[in-house]
C-alpha atoms as a PDB file:
ATOM      1  CA  GLN A   1     117.169 151.961  -7.719  1.00  0.00           C
ATOM      2  CA  GLU A   2     112.953 151.151  -7.544  1.00  0.00           C
ATOM      3  CA  LYS A   3     111.305 150.777  -4.128  1.00  0.00           C
ATOM      4  CA  GLU A   4     108.540 147.882  -3.919  1.00  0.00           C
ATOM      5  CA  ILE A   5     105.277 149.286  -2.698  1.00  0.00           C
ATOM      6  CA  HIS A   6     103.551 147.196  -0.739  1.00  0.00           C
ATOM      7  CA  HIS A   7      99.809 148.421   0.597  1.00  0.00           C
ATOM      8  CA  GLN A   8      98.765 146.957   3.549  1.00  0.00           C
ATOM      9  CA  LYS A   9      95.026 145.595   3.258  1.00  0.00           C
ATOM     10  CA  LYS A  10      92.376 146.823   5.389  1.00  0.00           C
ATOM     11  CA  PRO A  11      90.948 144.264   7.494  1.00  0.00           C
ATOM     12  CA  SER A  12      87.835 142.396   6.243  1.00  0.00           C
ATOM     13  CA  LYS A  13      84.535 142.758   7.775  1.00  0.00           C
ATOM     14  CA  ASP A  14      83.179 139.987   9.582  1.00  0.00           C
ATOM     15  CA  TYR A  15      79.285 138.834  10.168  1.00  0.00           C
ATOM     16  CA  LYS A  16      78.943 140.997  13.371  1.00  0.00           C
ATOM     17  CA  GLY A  17      80.287 144.115  11.080  1.00  0.00           C
ATOM     18  CA  ALA A  18      83.325 144.051  13.197  1.00  0.00           C
ATOM     19  CA  HIS A  19      86.262 146.516  11.662  1.00  0.00           C
ATOM     20  CA  SER A  20      83.418 147.515   8.866  1.00  0.00           C
ATOM     21  CA  ARG A  21      82.984 151.276   7.947  1.00  0.00           C
ATOM     22  CA  VAL A  22      80.098 153.026   6.962  1.00  0.00           C
ATOM     23  CA  HIS A  23      79.814 155.453   4.475  1.00  0.00           C
ATOM     24  CA  PRO A  24      78.674 158.716   5.638  1.00  0.00           C
ATOM     25  CA  GLN A  25      76.215 158.647   2.992  1.00  0.00           C
ATOM     26  CA  MET A  26      74.567 155.706   4.233  1.00  0.00           C
ATOM     27  CA  LEU A  27      73.946 156.842   7.474  1.00  0.00           C
ATOM     28  CA  VAL A  28      69.890 156.873   8.228  1.00  0.00           C
ATOM     29  CA  PRO A  29      68.706 157.545  11.752  1.00  0.00           C
ATOM     30  CA  ARG A  30      66.744 154.566  13.379  1.00  0.00           C
ATOM     31  CA  PRO A  31      63.056 155.199  13.545  1.00  0.00           C
ATOM     32  CA  ARG A  32      62.294 156.078  17.229  1.00  0.00           C
ATOM     33  CA  PRO A  33      59.437 153.898  18.986  1.00  0.00           C
ATOM     34  CA  HIS A  34      56.950 156.441  20.126  1.00  0.00           C
ATOM     35  CA  GLY A  35      53.274 156.907  19.438  1.00  0.00           C
ATOM     36  CA  ILE A  36      52.797 159.841  16.761  1.00  0.00           C
ATOM     37  CA  GLY A  37      49.408 161.297  15.109  1.00  0.00           C
ATOM     38  CA  LEU A  38      47.778 160.380  12.129  1.00  0.00           C
ATOM     39  CA  HIS A  39      48.570 163.965  10.558  1.00  0.00           C
ATOM     40  CA  ARG A  40      51.318 164.440  12.319  1.00  0.00           C
ATOM     41  CA  PRO A  41      54.615 162.075  11.736  1.00  0.00           C
ATOM     42  CA  SER A  42      57.565 162.267  12.678  1.00  0.00           C
ATOM     43  CA  LYS A  43      59.247 164.438  10.238  1.00  0.00           C
ATOM     44  CA  GLU A  44      62.341 164.821  12.093  1.00  0.00           C
ATOM     45  CA  LEU A  45      63.197 161.331  10.967  1.00  0.00           C
ATOM     46  CA  LEU A  46      63.071 162.736   7.355  1.00  0.00           C
ATOM     47  CA  SER A  47      65.083 165.845   8.136  1.00  0.00           C
ATOM     48  CA  GLU A  48      67.647 163.829   9.671  1.00  0.00           C
ATOM     49  CA  SER A  49      68.048 161.563   6.436  1.00  0.00           C
ATOM     50  CA  GLU A  50      71.125 161.808   4.286  1.00  0.00           C
ATOM     51  CA  VAL A  51      69.492 159.844   1.698  1.00  0.00           C
ATOM     52  CA  PRO A  52      66.596 160.459  -0.606  1.00  0.00           C
ATOM     53  CA  ALA A  53      63.903 158.481   1.760  1.00  0.00           C
ATOM     54  CA  ALA A  54      60.101 158.178   2.917  1.00  0.00           C
ATOM     55  CA  LEU A  55      58.215 157.501   6.078  1.00  0.00           C
ATOM     56  CA  LEU A  56      56.256 154.626   6.280  1.00  0.00           C
ATOM     57  CA  VAL A  57      53.843 154.396   8.987  1.00  0.00           C
ATOM     58  CA  LEU A  58      51.633 151.931  10.147  1.00  0.00           C
ATOM     59  CA  VAL A  59      48.055 152.859  11.936  1.00  0.00           C
ATOM     60  CA  ASP A  60      45.703 150.729  13.414  1.00  0.00           C
ATOM     61  CA  SER A  61      41.768 151.382  13.442  1.00  0.00           C
ATOM     62  CA  GLY A  62      42.135 153.233  16.960  1.00  0.00           C
ATOM     63  CA  ARG A  63      44.575 155.529  15.020  1.00  0.00           C
ATOM     64  CA  LYS A  64      47.458 154.259  17.186  1.00  0.00           C
ATOM     65  CA  VAL A  65      50.950 154.215  15.482  1.00  0.00           C
ATOM     66  CA  VAL A  66      51.910 150.595  15.250  1.00  0.00           C
ATOM     67  CA  THR A  67      55.101 150.913  13.945  1.00  0.00           C
ATOM     68  CA  GLU A  68      56.953 153.415  11.244  1.00  0.00           C
ATOM     69  CA  THR A  69      60.403 153.080   9.073  1.00  0.00           C
ATOM     70  CA  LEU A  70      62.479 155.328   6.753  1.00  0.00           C
ATOM     71  CA  VAL A  71      62.491 153.629   3.233  1.00  0.00           C
ATOM     72  CA  THR A  72      65.366 154.370   1.051  1.00  0.00           C
ATOM     73  CA  LEU A  73      64.355 155.589  -2.025  1.00  0.00           C
ATOM     74  CA  ALA A  74      65.130 154.794  -5.707  1.00  0.00           C
ATOM     75  CA  PRO A  75      64.642 156.931  -8.793  1.00  0.00           C
ATOM     76  CA  ARG A  76      61.440 156.716 -10.065  1.00  0.00           C
ATOM     77  CA  MET A  77      60.095 154.209  -7.115  1.00  0.00           C
ATOM     78  CA  ALA A  78      56.426 153.133  -7.353  1.00  0.00           C
ATOM     79  CA  LEU A  79      54.471 152.998  -3.722  1.00  0.00           C
ATOM     80  CA  LEU A  80      54.922 148.840  -4.381  1.00  0.00           C
ATOM     81  CA  ASP A  81      58.371 149.150  -4.453  1.00  0.00           C
ATOM     82  CA  ALA A  82      58.922 151.372  -1.374  1.00  0.00           C
ATOM     83  CA  LEU A  83      56.698 148.659   0.362  1.00  0.00           C
ATOM     84  CA  LYS A  84      59.321 145.995  -0.987  1.00  0.00           C
ATOM     85  CA  GLU A  85      61.985 148.184   0.234  1.00  0.00           C
ATOM     86  CA  ALA A  86      60.552 148.328   3.688  1.00  0.00           C
ATOM     87  CA  LYS A  87      60.211 144.426   3.899  1.00  0.00           C
ATOM     88  CA  GLN A  88      63.242 143.871   2.788  1.00  0.00           C
ATOM     89  CA  SER A  89      65.224 146.302   4.925  1.00  0.00           C
ATOM     90  CA  PHE A  90      63.869 144.875   7.935  1.00  0.00           C
ATOM     91  CA  SER A  91      64.737 141.488   7.033  1.00  0.00           C
ATOM     92  CA  LEU A  92      68.354 142.005   6.548  1.00  0.00           C
ATOM     93  CA  LYS A  93      68.604 144.068   9.714  1.00  0.00           C
ATOM     94  CA  HIS A  94      66.727 141.841  11.962  1.00  0.00           C
ATOM     95  CA  GLY A  95      67.162 138.262  10.272  1.00  0.00           C
ATOM     96  CA  PRO A  96      64.868 135.317   9.148  1.00  0.00           C
ATOM     97  CA  TYR A  97      63.502 134.742  12.296  1.00  0.00           C
ATOM     98  CA  GLU A  98      62.121 138.126  13.681  1.00  0.00           C
ATOM     99  CA  PRO A  99      58.326 138.701  12.775  1.00  0.00           C
ATOM    100  CA  ASN A 100      58.479 141.569   9.980  1.00  0.00           C
ATOM    101  CA  PRO A 101      55.982 144.550  10.740  1.00  0.00           C
ATOM    102  CA  PHE A 102      56.351 145.292   7.320  1.00  0.00           C
ATOM    103  CA  GLY A 103      55.591 141.937   5.357  1.00  0.00           C
ATOM    104  CA  PHE A 104      52.400 142.631   3.354  1.00  0.00           C
ATOM    105  CA  LYS A 105      50.106 140.395   1.104  1.00  0.00           C
ATOM    106  CA  VAL A 106      48.272 142.231  -1.846  1.00  0.00           C
ATOM    107  CA  GLN A 107      44.662 141.233  -3.061  1.00  0.00           C
ATOM    108  CA  ILE A 108      42.555 141.881  -6.315  1.00  0.00           C
ATOM    109  CA  LEU A 109      39.703 144.072  -4.896  1.00  0.00           C
ATOM    110  CA  GLU A 110      37.293 142.972  -7.653  1.00  0.00           C
ATOM    111  CA  ALA A 111      34.781 145.843  -6.760  1.00  0.00           C
ATOM    112  CA  GLU A 112      37.364 148.377  -7.082  1.00  0.00           C
ATOM    113  CA  ARG A 113      38.937 147.077 -10.104  1.00  0.00           C
ATOM    114  CA  CYS A 114      42.413 147.157  -8.799  1.00  0.00           C
ATOM    115  CA  VAL A 115      45.044 145.658  -6.472  1.00  0.00           C
ATOM    116  CA  GLY A 116      45.163 146.669  -3.055  1.00  0.00           C
ATOM    117  CA  LEU A 117      46.989 145.772   0.556  1.00  0.00           C
ATOM    118  CA  GLU A 118      45.091 142.368   2.101  1.00  0.00           C
ATOM    119  CA  GLU A 119      47.621 142.660   5.520  1.00  0.00           C
ATOM    120  CA  VAL A 120      50.572 144.635   6.541  1.00  0.00           C
ATOM    121  CA  GLY A 121      52.674 143.166   9.482  1.00  0.00           C
ATOM    122  CA  GLN A 122      49.721 142.905  12.191  1.00  0.00           C
ATOM    123  CA  LEU A 123      47.511 144.891  10.404  1.00  0.00           C
ATOM    124  CA  GLY A 124      44.788 143.330   8.189  1.00  0.00           C
ATOM    125  CA  THR A 125      41.400 143.251   6.171  1.00  0.00           C
ATOM    126  CA  SER A 126      37.937 141.533   7.367  1.00  0.00           C
ATOM    127  CA  ARG A 127      34.674 141.921   6.828  1.00  0.00           C
ATOM    128  CA  THR A 128      35.017 144.736   9.544  1.00  0.00           C
ATOM    129  CA  HIS A 129      38.256 146.505   8.244  1.00  0.00           C
ATOM    130  CA  SER A 130      40.001 147.842   5.763  1.00  0.00           C
ATOM    131  CA  LEU A 131      43.385 149.068   4.895  1.00  0.00           C
ATOM    132  CA  ASP A 132      43.707 152.627   3.344  1.00  0.00           C
ATOM    133  CA  ILE A 133      47.020 154.102   1.611  1.00  0.00           C
ATOM    134  CA  ILE A 134      47.233 157.956   2.386  1.00  0.00           C
ATOM    135  CA  VAL A 135      50.437 159.396   0.757  1.00  0.00           C
ATOM    136  CA  THR A 136      51.217 163.158   1.665  1.00  0.00           C
ATOM    137  CA  ARG A 137      53.600 165.571   0.168  1.00  0.00           C
ATOM    138  CA  LYS A 138      56.181 167.424   2.730  1.00  0.00           C
ATOM    139  CA  HIS A 139      56.594 170.529   0.751  1.00  0.00           C
ATOM    140  CA  ASN A 140      52.758 171.355   1.150  1.00  0.00           C
ATOM    141  CA  GLN A 141      51.062 168.566   2.977  1.00  0.00           C
ATOM    142  CA  GLU A 142      48.923 167.975  -0.080  1.00  0.00           C
ATOM    143  CA  VAL A 143      47.644 164.320   0.016  1.00  0.00           C
ATOM    144  CA  VAL A 144      48.361 163.012  -3.348  1.00  0.00           C
ATOM    145  CA  TRP A 145      47.081 159.509  -3.200  1.00  0.00           C
ATOM    146  CA  GLU A 146      44.423 158.455  -1.093  1.00  0.00           C
ATOM    147  CA  GLY A 147      42.290 154.781  -1.444  1.00  0.00           C
ATOM    148  CA  LEU A 148      41.851 151.351  -1.347  1.00  0.00           C
ATOM    149  CA  CYS A 149      44.297 150.611  -4.416  1.00  0.00           C
ATOM    150  CA  LEU A 150      47.807 150.511  -4.581  1.00  0.00           C
ATOM    151  CA  PRO A 151      48.475 153.433  -7.430  1.00  0.00           C
ATOM    152  CA  ARG A 152      50.442 152.184 -10.733  1.00  0.00           C
ATOM    153  CA  THR A 153      53.866 153.971 -11.324  1.00  0.00           C
ATOM    154  CA  SER A 154      52.252 155.851 -13.923  1.00  0.00           C
ATOM    155  CA  ASP A 155      49.753 157.481 -11.343  1.00  0.00           C
ATOM    156  CA  LEU A 156      52.349 157.989  -8.516  1.00  0.00           C
ATOM    157  CA  LEU A 157      56.235 157.808  -7.667  1.00  0.00           C
ATOM    158  CA  VAL A 158      57.323 157.989  -3.911  1.00  0.00           C
ATOM    159  CA  HIS A 159      59.491 161.283  -3.562  1.00  0.00           C
ATOM    160  CA  HIS A 160      61.709 162.268  -1.076  1.00  0.00           C
ATOM    161  CA  GLY A 161      59.883 163.410   2.169  1.00  0.00           C
ATOM    162  CA  ASP A 162      56.509 161.788   1.363  1.00  0.00           C
ATOM    163  CA  VAL A 163      54.539 160.214   4.060  1.00  0.00           C
ATOM    164  CA  ILE A 164      53.039 156.867   3.303  1.00  0.00           C
ATOM    165  CA  THR A 165      50.328 155.936   5.605  1.00  0.00           C
ATOM    166  CA  ILE A 166      49.029 152.587   5.775  1.00  0.00           C
ATOM    167  CA  LEU A 167      45.269 153.285   8.136  1.00  0.00           C
ATOM    168  CA  GLN A 168      43.306 149.846   9.353  1.00  0.00           C
ATOM    169  CA  ARG A 169      39.781 151.383   8.939  1.00  0.00           C
ATOM    170  CA  LYS A 170      36.709 150.442  10.530  1.00  0.00           C
ATOM    171  CA  LEU A 171      34.162 150.004   7.934  1.00  0.00           C
END
């Protein structure tokens, strides 16, 4: 005789995430809200990350950290794509009505002949301030990009462990 085998369906996910399981590879620690120095970011966030990630840090003109977050990386990810990922991740997690500290606008910098950042969250450019982009490699603390311009994909790919600092600087 043949027996019929019925598999019980798993409970479906509801909109609040009840009954949902998180795959262990998707666990990424939440950034801790605390002040960190410009050259001493929270590297423990990167070391705790189980997926390829970079740390994005926003620093105001007083050298105070405004916010930081881990950015999950895809293969061959450019810096602009990493900024988009931070913005989208925040929106998905917090919804459309929460002000996004990683929302950004780009602008053409004619003097530099490139594309740069006009604003990121509450940090912005003006006659008295610019937004500098600094990318530091984790392994040897080497600065691999520094300037007002967003690097092209051919110039810089974001690697696991990179620290991306957006620094509002007084002119």
